[in-house]
Amino acid sequence: MAIRLPGIPKIKKGLRRSLSNSETASVPKGHVAVYVGENQKKRFVVPISYLNHPLFHALLNQAEEEFGFNHPMGGLTIPCDEDTFIDITSQLI
């Protein structure tokens, strides 16, 4: 059962951005790290429940079209700017 948290202020809690460039940075169980940005990529850790949402599917389709299975950061890269990503993921909660 998923817990839904209303309101934008709580999104920052759900979307924990790690500015660490370390590939060994931990990802909590039930979450996945994605890299977002056009020029400089920022790392976000999102719940895996997002992967089933149609809005997030649109982002994944963009990533597939642009990168295929060869993501430059070594992880899942989403080809949009940070503000767009936050706007989209704020609708998922």
PDB file of N, CA and C in Angstrom:
ATOM      1  N   MET A   1       0.846  -1.170   0.000  1.00  0.00           N
ATOM      2  CA  MET A   1       0.000   0.000   0.000  1.00  0.00           C
ATOM      3  C   MET A   1       0.893   1.236   0.000  1.00  0.00           C
ATOM      4  N   ALA A   2       0.636   2.146  -0.931  1.00  0.00           N
ATOM      5  CA  ALA A   2       1.447   3.347  -1.058  1.00  0.00           C
ATOM      6  C   ALA A   2       0.924   4.444  -0.148  1.00  0.00           C
ATOM      7  N   ILE A   3       1.819   5.217   0.392  1.00  0.00           N
ATOM      8  CA  ILE A   3       1.455   6.360   1.215  1.00  0.00           C
ATOM      9  C   ILE A   3       1.536   7.593   0.334  1.00  0.00           C
ATOM     10  N   ARG A   4       0.474   8.356   0.295  1.00  0.00           N
ATOM     11  CA  ARG A   4       0.432   9.560  -0.526  1.00  0.00           C
ATOM     12  C   ARG A   4       0.526  10.781   0.383  1.00  0.00           C
ATOM     13  N   LEU A   5       1.466  11.647   0.102  1.00  0.00           N
ATOM     14  CA  LEU A   5       1.665  12.853   0.902  1.00  0.00           C
ATOM     15  C   LEU A   5       1.225  14.061   0.094  1.00  0.00           C
ATOM     16  N   PRO A   6       0.192  14.771   0.512  1.00  0.00           N
ATOM     17  CA  PRO A   6      -0.265  15.932  -0.236  1.00  0.00           C
ATOM     18  C   PRO A   6       0.649  17.129  -0.013  1.00  0.00           C
ATOM     19  N   GLY A   7       0.699  17.975  -1.013  1.00  0.00           N
ATOM     20  CA  GLY A   7       1.394  19.245  -0.862  1.00  0.00           C
ATOM     21  C   GLY A   7       2.811  19.243  -1.377  1.00  0.00           C
ATOM     22  N   ILE A   8       3.169  20.338  -1.989  1.00  0.00           N
ATOM     23  CA  ILE A   8       4.486  20.520  -2.574  1.00  0.00           C
ATOM     24  C   ILE A   8       5.609  20.501  -1.542  1.00  0.00           C
ATOM     25  N   PRO A   9       5.451  21.090  -0.350  1.00  0.00           N
ATOM     26  CA  PRO A   9       6.573  21.081   0.595  1.00  0.00           C
ATOM     27  C   PRO A   9       7.069  19.675   0.936  1.00  0.00           C
ATOM     28  N   LYS A  10       6.175  18.711   0.912  1.00  0.00           N
ATOM     29  CA  LYS A  10       6.585  17.355   1.250  1.00  0.00           C
ATOM     30  C   LYS A  10       7.277  16.661   0.086  1.00  0.00           C
ATOM     31  N   ILE A  11       7.183  17.240  -1.110  1.00  0.00           N
ATOM     32  CA  ILE A  11       7.851  16.647  -2.268  1.00  0.00           C
ATOM     33  C   ILE A  11       9.361  16.654  -2.061  1.00  0.00           C
ATOM     34  N   LYS A  12       9.863  17.712  -1.476  1.00  0.00           N
ATOM     35  CA  LYS A  12      11.299  17.779  -1.223  1.00  0.00           C
ATOM     36  C   LYS A  12      11.749  16.630  -0.341  1.00  0.00           C
ATOM     37  N   LYS A  13      10.866  16.206   0.552  1.00  0.00           N
ATOM     38  CA  LYS A  13      11.190  15.074   1.409  1.00  0.00           C
ATOM     39  C   LYS A  13      11.186  13.780   0.607  1.00  0.00           C
ATOM     40  N   GLY A  14      10.231  13.654  -0.319  1.00  0.00           N
ATOM     41  CA  GLY A  14      10.119  12.452  -1.144  1.00  0.00           C
ATOM     42  C   GLY A  14      11.179  12.394  -2.227  1.00  0.00           C
ATOM     43  N   LEU A  15      11.533  13.533  -2.752  1.00  0.00           N
ATOM     44  CA  LEU A  15      12.568  13.620  -3.774  1.00  0.00           C
ATOM     45  C   LEU A  15      13.852  14.086  -3.107  1.00  0.00           C
ATOM     46  N   ARG A  16      14.606  13.155  -2.638  1.00  0.00           N
ATOM     47  CA  ARG A  16      15.854  13.520  -1.973  1.00  0.00           C
ATOM     48  C   ARG A  16      16.948  13.632  -3.018  1.00  0.00           C
ATOM     49  N   ARG A  17      17.420  14.846  -3.205  1.00  0.00           N
ATOM     50  CA  ARG A  17      18.446  15.074  -4.203  1.00  0.00           C
ATOM     51  C   ARG A  17      19.807  14.902  -3.565  1.00  0.00           C
ATOM     52  N   SER A  18      20.605  14.078  -4.199  1.00  0.00           N
ATOM     53  CA  SER A  18      21.960  13.874  -3.731  1.00  0.00           C
ATOM     54  C   SER A  18      22.895  14.591  -4.687  1.00  0.00           C
ATOM     55  N   LEU A  19      23.623  15.556  -4.197  1.00  0.00           N
ATOM     56  CA  LEU A  19      24.569  16.266  -5.039  1.00  0.00           C
ATOM     57  C   LEU A  19      25.908  15.550  -5.105  1.00  0.00           C
ATOM     58  N   SER A  20      25.970  14.408  -4.483  1.00  0.00           N
ATOM     59  CA  SER A  20      27.197  13.627  -4.485  1.00  0.00           C
ATOM     60  C   SER A  20      27.425  13.017  -5.856  1.00  0.00           C
ATOM     61  N   ASN A  21      28.630  13.082  -6.346  1.00  0.00           N
ATOM     62  CA  ASN A  21      28.970  12.442  -7.611  1.00  0.00           C
ATOM     63  C   ASN A  21      29.399  11.000  -7.412  1.00  0.00           C
ATOM     64  N   SER A  22      29.412  10.555  -6.182  1.00  0.00           N
ATOM     65  CA  SER A  22      29.845   9.201  -5.882  1.00  0.00           C
ATOM     66  C   SER A  22      28.824   8.194  -6.368  1.00  0.00           C
ATOM     67  N   GLU A  23      29.299   7.195  -7.122  1.00  0.00           N
ATOM     68  CA  GLU A  23      28.410   6.150  -7.602  1.00  0.00           C
ATOM     69  C   GLU A  23      28.032   5.196  -6.486  1.00  0.00           C
ATOM     70  N   THR A  24      28.713   5.280  -5.366  1.00  0.00           N
ATOM     71  CA  THR A  24      28.419   4.379  -4.261  1.00  0.00           C
ATOM     72  C   THR A  24      27.409   4.977  -3.291  1.00  0.00           C
ATOM     73  N   ALA A  25      26.904   6.169  -3.610  1.00  0.00           N
ATOM     74  CA  ALA A  25      25.903   6.777  -2.734  1.00  0.00           C
ATOM     75  C   ALA A  25      24.720   5.830  -2.613  1.00  0.00           C
ATOM     76  N   SER A  26      24.223   5.667  -1.403  1.00  0.00           N
ATOM     77  CA  SER A  26      23.188   4.664  -1.165  1.00  0.00           C
ATOM     78  C   SER A  26      21.830   5.119  -1.676  1.00  0.00           C
ATOM     79  N   VAL A  27      21.066   4.136  -2.106  1.00  0.00           N
ATOM     80  CA  VAL A  27      19.688   4.338  -2.524  1.00  0.00           C
ATOM     81  C   VAL A  27      18.835   3.477  -1.596  1.00  0.00           C
ATOM     82  N   PRO A  28      17.906   4.079  -0.873  1.00  0.00           N
ATOM     83  CA  PRO A  28      17.089   3.301   0.060  1.00  0.00           C
ATOM     84  C   PRO A  28      16.264   2.231  -0.654  1.00  0.00           C
ATOM     85  N   LYS A  29      15.950   1.193   0.071  1.00  0.00           N
ATOM     86  CA  LYS A  29      15.124   0.125  -0.465  1.00  0.00           C
ATOM     87  C   LYS A  29      13.789   0.721  -0.929  1.00  0.00           C
ATOM     88  N   GLY A  30      13.341   0.297  -2.111  1.00  0.00           N
ATOM     89  CA  GLY A  30      12.081   0.787  -2.652  1.00  0.00           C
ATOM     90  C   GLY A  30      12.213   2.078  -3.433  1.00  0.00           C
ATOM     91  N   HIS A  31      13.443   2.489  -3.716  1.00  0.00           N
ATOM     92  CA  HIS A  31      13.709   3.716  -4.454  1.00  0.00           C
ATOM     93  C   HIS A  31      14.676   3.434  -5.599  1.00  0.00           C
ATOM     94  N   VAL A  32      14.750   4.382  -6.527  1.00  0.00           N
ATOM     95  CA  VAL A  32      15.680   4.281  -7.643  1.00  0.00           C
ATOM     96  C   VAL A  32      16.295   5.664  -7.868  1.00  0.00           C
ATOM     97  N   ALA A  33      17.565   5.676  -8.238  1.00  0.00           N
ATOM     98  CA  ALA A  33      18.243   6.936  -8.535  1.00  0.00           C
ATOM     99  C   ALA A  33      18.096   7.247 -10.017  1.00  0.00           C
ATOM    100  N   VAL A  34      17.788   8.497 -10.320  1.00  0.00           N
ATOM    101  CA  VAL A  34      17.724   8.955 -11.705  1.00  0.00           C
ATOM    102  C   VAL A  34      18.549  10.234 -11.812  1.00  0.00           C
ATOM    103  N   TYR A  35      19.067  10.473 -13.004  1.00  0.00           N
ATOM    104  CA  TYR A  35      19.843  11.677 -13.270  1.00  0.00           C
ATOM    105  C   TYR A  35      19.024  12.575 -14.177  1.00  0.00           C
ATOM    106  N   VAL A  36      18.915  13.848 -13.799  1.00  0.00           N
ATOM    107  CA  VAL A  36      18.040  14.785 -14.490  1.00  0.00           C
ATOM    108  C   VAL A  36      18.819  16.039 -14.830  1.00  0.00           C
ATOM    109  N   GLY A  37      18.555  16.587 -15.995  1.00  0.00           N
ATOM    110  CA  GLY A  37      19.176  17.839 -16.396  1.00  0.00           C
ATOM    111  C   GLY A  37      19.641  17.771 -17.824  1.00  0.00           C
ATOM    112  N   GLU A  38      19.799  18.933 -18.411  1.00  0.00           N
ATOM    113  CA  GLU A  38      20.211  18.968 -19.801  1.00  0.00           C
ATOM    114  C   GLU A  38      21.729  19.062 -19.927  1.00  0.00           C
ATOM    115  N   ASN A  39      22.341  19.997 -19.238  1.00  0.00           N
ATOM    116  CA  ASN A  39      23.799  20.121 -19.311  1.00  0.00           C
ATOM    117  C   ASN A  39      24.469  19.452 -18.122  1.00  0.00           C
ATOM    118  N   GLN A  40      24.135  19.908 -16.944  1.00  0.00           N
ATOM    119  CA  GLN A  40      24.701  19.315 -15.738  1.00  0.00           C
ATOM    120  C   GLN A  40      23.630  18.456 -15.079  1.00  0.00           C
ATOM    121  N   LYS A  41      23.922  17.191 -14.921  1.00  0.00           N
ATOM    122  CA  LYS A  41      22.952  16.241 -14.380  1.00  0.00           C
ATOM    123  C   LYS A  41      22.936  16.301 -12.854  1.00  0.00           C
ATOM    124  N   LYS A  42      21.740  16.241 -12.301  1.00  0.00           N
ATOM    125  CA  LYS A  42      21.573  16.160 -10.852  1.00  0.00           C
ATOM    126  C   LYS A  42      20.911  14.834 -10.539  1.00  0.00           C
ATOM    127  N   ARG A  43      21.278  14.262  -9.433  1.00  0.00           N
ATOM    128  CA  ARG A  43      20.787  12.942  -9.040  1.00  0.00           C
ATOM    129  C   ARG A  43      19.600  13.094  -8.099  1.00  0.00           C
ATOM    130  N   PHE A  44      18.502  12.412  -8.436  1.00  0.00           N
ATOM    131  CA  PHE A  44      17.315  12.369  -7.597  1.00  0.00           C
ATOM    132  C   PHE A  44      17.057  10.926  -7.214  1.00  0.00           C
ATOM    133  N   VAL A  45      16.544  10.721  -6.024  1.00  0.00           N
ATOM    134  CA  VAL A  45      16.148   9.386  -5.577  1.00  0.00           C
ATOM    135  C   VAL A  45      14.631   9.420  -5.435  1.00  0.00           C
ATOM    136  N   VAL A  46      13.954   8.575  -6.229  1.00  0.00           N
ATOM    137  CA  VAL A  46      12.492   8.575  -6.253  1.00  0.00           C
ATOM    138  C   VAL A  46      11.956   7.196  -5.888  1.00  0.00           C
ATOM    139  N   PRO A  47      10.739   7.137  -5.364  1.00  0.00           N
ATOM    140  CA  PRO A  47      10.136   5.837  -5.047  1.00  0.00           C
ATOM    141  C   PRO A  47       9.899   5.018  -6.315  1.00  0.00           C
ATOM    142  N   ILE A  48      10.067   3.715  -6.230  1.00  0.00           N
ATOM    143  CA  ILE A  48       9.854   2.882  -7.417  1.00  0.00           C
ATOM    144  C   ILE A  48       8.396   2.888  -7.851  1.00  0.00           C
ATOM    145  N   SER A  49       7.490   3.276  -6.981  1.00  0.00           N
ATOM    146  CA  SER A  49       6.076   3.363  -7.367  1.00  0.00           C
ATOM    147  C   SER A  49       5.872   4.361  -8.503  1.00  0.00           C
ATOM    148  N   TYR A  50       6.770   5.340  -8.638  1.00  0.00           N
ATOM    149  CA  TYR A  50       6.678   6.303  -9.739  1.00  0.00           C
ATOM    150  C   TYR A  50       6.807   5.618 -11.094  1.00  0.00           C
ATOM    151  N   LEU A  51       7.530   4.513 -11.149  1.00  0.00           N
ATOM    152  CA  LEU A  51       7.785   3.842 -12.424  1.00  0.00           C
ATOM    153  C   LEU A  51       6.510   3.339 -13.087  1.00  0.00           C
ATOM    154  N   ASN A  52       5.442   3.155 -12.326  1.00  0.00           N
ATOM    155  CA  ASN A  52       4.181   2.669 -12.876  1.00  0.00           C
ATOM    156  C   ASN A  52       3.218   3.785 -13.266  1.00  0.00           C
ATOM    157  N   HIS A  53       3.568   5.020 -13.011  1.00  0.00           N
ATOM    158  CA  HIS A  53       2.661   6.137 -13.281  1.00  0.00           C
ATOM    159  C   HIS A  53       2.795   6.600 -14.736  1.00  0.00           C
ATOM    160  N   PRO A  54       1.672   6.889 -15.425  1.00  0.00           N
ATOM    161  CA  PRO A  54       1.724   7.315 -16.830  1.00  0.00           C
ATOM    162  C   PRO A  54       2.580   8.558 -17.081  1.00  0.00           C
ATOM    163  N   LEU A  55       2.574   9.522 -16.167  1.00  0.00           N
ATOM    164  CA  LEU A  55       3.410  10.711 -16.361  1.00  0.00           C
ATOM    165  C   LEU A  55       4.895  10.359 -16.321  1.00  0.00           C
ATOM    166  N   PHE A  56       5.261   9.460 -15.419  1.00  0.00           N
ATOM    167  CA  PHE A  56       6.661   9.044 -15.345  1.00  0.00           C
ATOM    168  C   PHE A  56       7.011   8.173 -16.548  1.00  0.00           C
ATOM    169  N   HIS A  57       6.034   7.402 -17.037  1.00  0.00           N
ATOM    170  CA  HIS A  57       6.253   6.603 -18.250  1.00  0.00           C
ATOM    171  C   HIS A  57       6.644   7.494 -19.419  1.00  0.00           C
ATOM    172  N   ALA A  58       6.022   8.667 -19.512  1.00  0.00           N
ATOM    173  CA  ALA A  58       6.359   9.602 -20.588  1.00  0.00           C
ATOM    174  C   ALA A  58       7.827  10.014 -20.497  1.00  0.00           C
ATOM    175  N   LEU A  59       8.310  10.250 -19.281  1.00  0.00           N
ATOM    176  CA  LEU A  59       9.727  10.590 -19.099  1.00  0.00           C
ATOM    177  C   LEU A  59      10.622   9.417 -19.484  1.00  0.00           C
ATOM    178  N   LEU A  60      10.209   8.213 -19.111  1.00  0.00           N
ATOM    179  CA  LEU A  60      10.994   7.024 -19.451  1.00  0.00           C
ATOM    180  C   LEU A  60      11.029   6.804 -20.959  1.00  0.00           C
ATOM    181  N   ASN A  61       9.921   7.086 -21.641  1.00  0.00           N
ATOM    182  CA  ASN A  61       9.898   6.958 -23.102  1.00  0.00           C
ATOM    183  C   ASN A  61      10.844   7.957 -23.753  1.00  0.00           C
ATOM    184  N   GLN A  62      10.897   9.177 -23.225  1.00  0.00           N
ATOM    185  CA  GLN A  62      11.846  10.172 -23.727  1.00  0.00           C
ATOM    186  C   GLN A  62      13.278   9.689 -23.535  1.00  0.00           C
ATOM    187  N   ALA A  63      13.544   9.124 -22.377  1.00  0.00           N
ATOM    188  CA  ALA A  63      14.888   8.615 -22.093  1.00  0.00           C
ATOM    189  C   ALA A  63      15.245   7.496 -23.058  1.00  0.00           C
ATOM    190  N   GLU A  64      14.289   6.614 -23.340  1.00  0.00           N
ATOM    191  CA  GLU A  64      14.542   5.509 -24.262  1.00  0.00           C
ATOM    192  C   GLU A  64      14.819   6.028 -25.667  1.00  0.00           C
ATOM    193  N   GLU A  65      14.046   7.023 -26.119  1.00  0.00           N
ATOM    194  CA  GLU A  65      14.249   7.583 -27.452  1.00  0.00           C
ATOM    195  C   GLU A  65      15.603   8.269 -27.574  1.00  0.00           C
ATOM    196  N   GLU A  66      15.999   8.984 -26.539  1.00  0.00           N
ATOM    197  CA  GLU A  66      17.251   9.743 -26.608  1.00  0.00           C
ATOM    198  C   GLU A  66      18.490   8.898 -26.349  1.00  0.00           C
ATOM    199  N   PHE A  67      18.416   8.002 -25.376  1.00  0.00           N
ATOM    200  CA  PHE A  67      19.606   7.275 -24.958  1.00  0.00           C
ATOM    201  C   PHE A  67      19.569   5.785 -25.255  1.00  0.00           C
ATOM    202  N   GLY A  68      18.399   5.224 -25.528  1.00  0.00           N
ATOM    203  CA  GLY A  68      18.306   3.775 -25.659  1.00  0.00           C
ATOM    204  C   GLY A  68      18.674   3.158 -24.323  1.00  0.00           C
ATOM    205  N   PHE A  69      19.556   2.188 -24.363  1.00  0.00           N
ATOM    206  CA  PHE A  69      19.991   1.552 -23.113  1.00  0.00           C
ATOM    207  C   PHE A  69      21.398   1.994 -22.719  1.00  0.00           C
ATOM    208  N   ASN A  70      21.927   3.000 -23.381  1.00  0.00           N
ATOM    209  CA  ASN A  70      23.264   3.508 -23.102  1.00  0.00           C
ATOM    210  C   ASN A  70      23.137   4.873 -22.429  1.00  0.00           C
ATOM    211  N   HIS A  71      23.018   4.875 -21.125  1.00  0.00           N
ATOM    212  CA  HIS A  71      22.861   6.123 -20.390  1.00  0.00           C
ATOM    213  C   HIS A  71      24.232   6.657 -19.989  1.00  0.00           C
ATOM    214  N   PRO A  72      24.512   7.934 -20.313  1.00  0.00           N
ATOM    215  CA  PRO A  72      25.843   8.504 -20.095  1.00  0.00           C
ATOM    216  C   PRO A  72      26.302   8.536 -18.645  1.00  0.00           C
ATOM    217  N   MET A  73      25.374   8.601 -17.694  1.00  0.00           N
ATOM    218  CA  MET A  73      25.759   8.693 -16.287  1.00  0.00           C
ATOM    219  C   MET A  73      25.929   7.317 -15.654  1.00  0.00           C
ATOM    220  N   GLY A  74      25.650   6.263 -16.412  1.00  0.00           N
ATOM    221  CA  GLY A  74      25.750   4.922 -15.860  1.00  0.00           C
ATOM    222  C   GLY A  74      24.482   4.491 -15.156  1.00  0.00           C
ATOM    223  N   GLY A  75      23.566   5.409 -14.955  1.00  0.00           N
ATOM    224  CA  GLY A  75      22.270   5.118 -14.355  1.00  0.00           C
ATOM    225  C   GLY A  75      21.184   5.645 -15.263  1.00  0.00           C
ATOM    226  N   LEU A  76      19.973   5.606 -14.823  1.00  0.00           N
ATOM    227  CA  LEU A  76      18.845   6.073 -15.616  1.00  0.00           C
ATOM    228  C   LEU A  76      18.903   7.589 -15.735  1.00  0.00           C
ATOM    229  N   THR A  77      18.995   8.083 -16.965  1.00  0.00           N
ATOM    230  CA  THR A  77      19.075   9.515 -17.228  1.00  0.00           C
ATOM    231  C   THR A  77      17.766   9.982 -17.849  1.00  0.00           C
ATOM    232  N   ILE A  78      17.164  11.006 -17.282  1.00  0.00           N
ATOM    233  CA  ILE A  78      15.914  11.574 -17.777  1.00  0.00           C
ATOM    234  C   ILE A  78      16.245  12.869 -18.518  1.00  0.00           C
ATOM    235  N   PRO A  79      15.914  12.954 -19.820  1.00  0.00           N
ATOM    236  CA  PRO A  79      16.283  14.126 -20.618  1.00  0.00           C
ATOM    237  C   PRO A  79      15.291  15.284 -20.483  1.00  0.00           C
ATOM    238  N   CYS A  80      15.280  15.923 -19.334  1.00  0.00           N
ATOM    239  CA  CYS A  80      14.484  17.138 -19.150  1.00  0.00           C
ATOM    240  C   CYS A  80      15.187  17.986 -18.099  1.00  0.00           C
ATOM    241  N   ASP A  81      14.754  19.243 -17.990  1.00  0.00           N
ATOM    242  CA  ASP A  81      15.404  20.087 -16.986  1.00  0.00           C
ATOM    243  C   ASP A  81      14.845  19.784 -15.596  1.00  0.00           C
ATOM    244  N   GLU A  82      15.571  20.228 -14.609  1.00  0.00           N
ATOM    245  CA  GLU A  82      15.245  19.915 -13.214  1.00  0.00           C
ATOM    246  C   GLU A  82      13.859  20.415 -12.817  1.00  0.00           C
ATOM    247  N   ASP A  83      13.501  21.635 -13.233  1.00  0.00           N
ATOM    248  CA  ASP A  83      12.200  22.193 -12.868  1.00  0.00           C
ATOM    249  C   ASP A  83      11.051  21.381 -13.456  1.00  0.00           C
ATOM    250  N   THR A  84      11.190  20.953 -14.707  1.00  0.00           N
ATOM    251  CA  THR A  84      10.159  20.130 -15.344  1.00  0.00           C
ATOM    252  C   THR A  84      10.008  18.813 -14.608  1.00  0.00           C
ATOM    253  N   PHE A  85      11.132  18.198 -14.245  1.00  0.00           N
ATOM    254  CA  PHE A  85      11.092  16.928 -13.519  1.00  0.00           C
ATOM    255  C   PHE A  85      10.365  17.087 -12.183  1.00  0.00           C
ATOM    256  N   ILE A  86      10.667  18.136 -11.464  1.00  0.00           N
ATOM    257  CA  ILE A  86      10.023  18.379 -10.175  1.00  0.00           C
ATOM    258  C   ILE A  86       8.531  18.644 -10.369  1.00  0.00           C
ATOM    259  N   ASP A  87       8.178  19.421 -11.403  1.00  0.00           N
ATOM    260  CA  ASP A  87       6.763  19.674 -11.679  1.00  0.00           C
ATOM    261  C   ASP A  87       6.014  18.376 -11.966  1.00  0.00           C
ATOM    262  N   ILE A  88       6.602  17.514 -12.783  1.00  0.00           N
ATOM    263  CA  ILE A  88       5.947  16.251 -13.137  1.00  0.00           C
ATOM    264  C   ILE A  88       5.833  15.342 -11.923  1.00  0.00           C
ATOM    265  N   THR A  89       6.923  15.181 -11.195  1.00  0.00           N
ATOM    266  CA  THR A  89       6.879  14.267 -10.054  1.00  0.00           C
ATOM    267  C   THR A  89       5.999  14.803  -8.926  1.00  0.00           C
ATOM    268  N   SER A  90       5.804  16.116  -8.858  1.00  0.00           N
ATOM    269  CA  SER A  90       4.913  16.664  -7.831  1.00  0.00           C
ATOM    270  C   SER A  90       3.465  16.260  -8.086  1.00  0.00           C
ATOM    271  N   GLN A  91       3.143  15.908  -9.317  1.00  0.00           N
ATOM    272  CA  GLN A  91       1.791  15.467  -9.659  1.00  0.00           C
ATOM    273  C   GLN A  91       1.574  13.989  -9.345  1.00  0.00           C
ATOM    274  N   LEU A  92       2.640  13.272  -9.034  1.00  0.00           N
ATOM    275  CA  LEU A  92       2.543  11.839  -8.788  1.00  0.00           C
ATOM    276  C   LEU A  92       2.157  11.519  -7.358  1.00  0.00           C
ATOM    277  N   ILE A  93       2.258  12.475  -6.481  1.00  0.00           N
ATOM    278  CA  ILE A  93       1.995  12.225  -5.060  1.00  0.00           C
ATOM    279  C   ILE A  93       0.533  12.460  -4.756  1.00  0.00           C
TER     280      ILE A  93
END
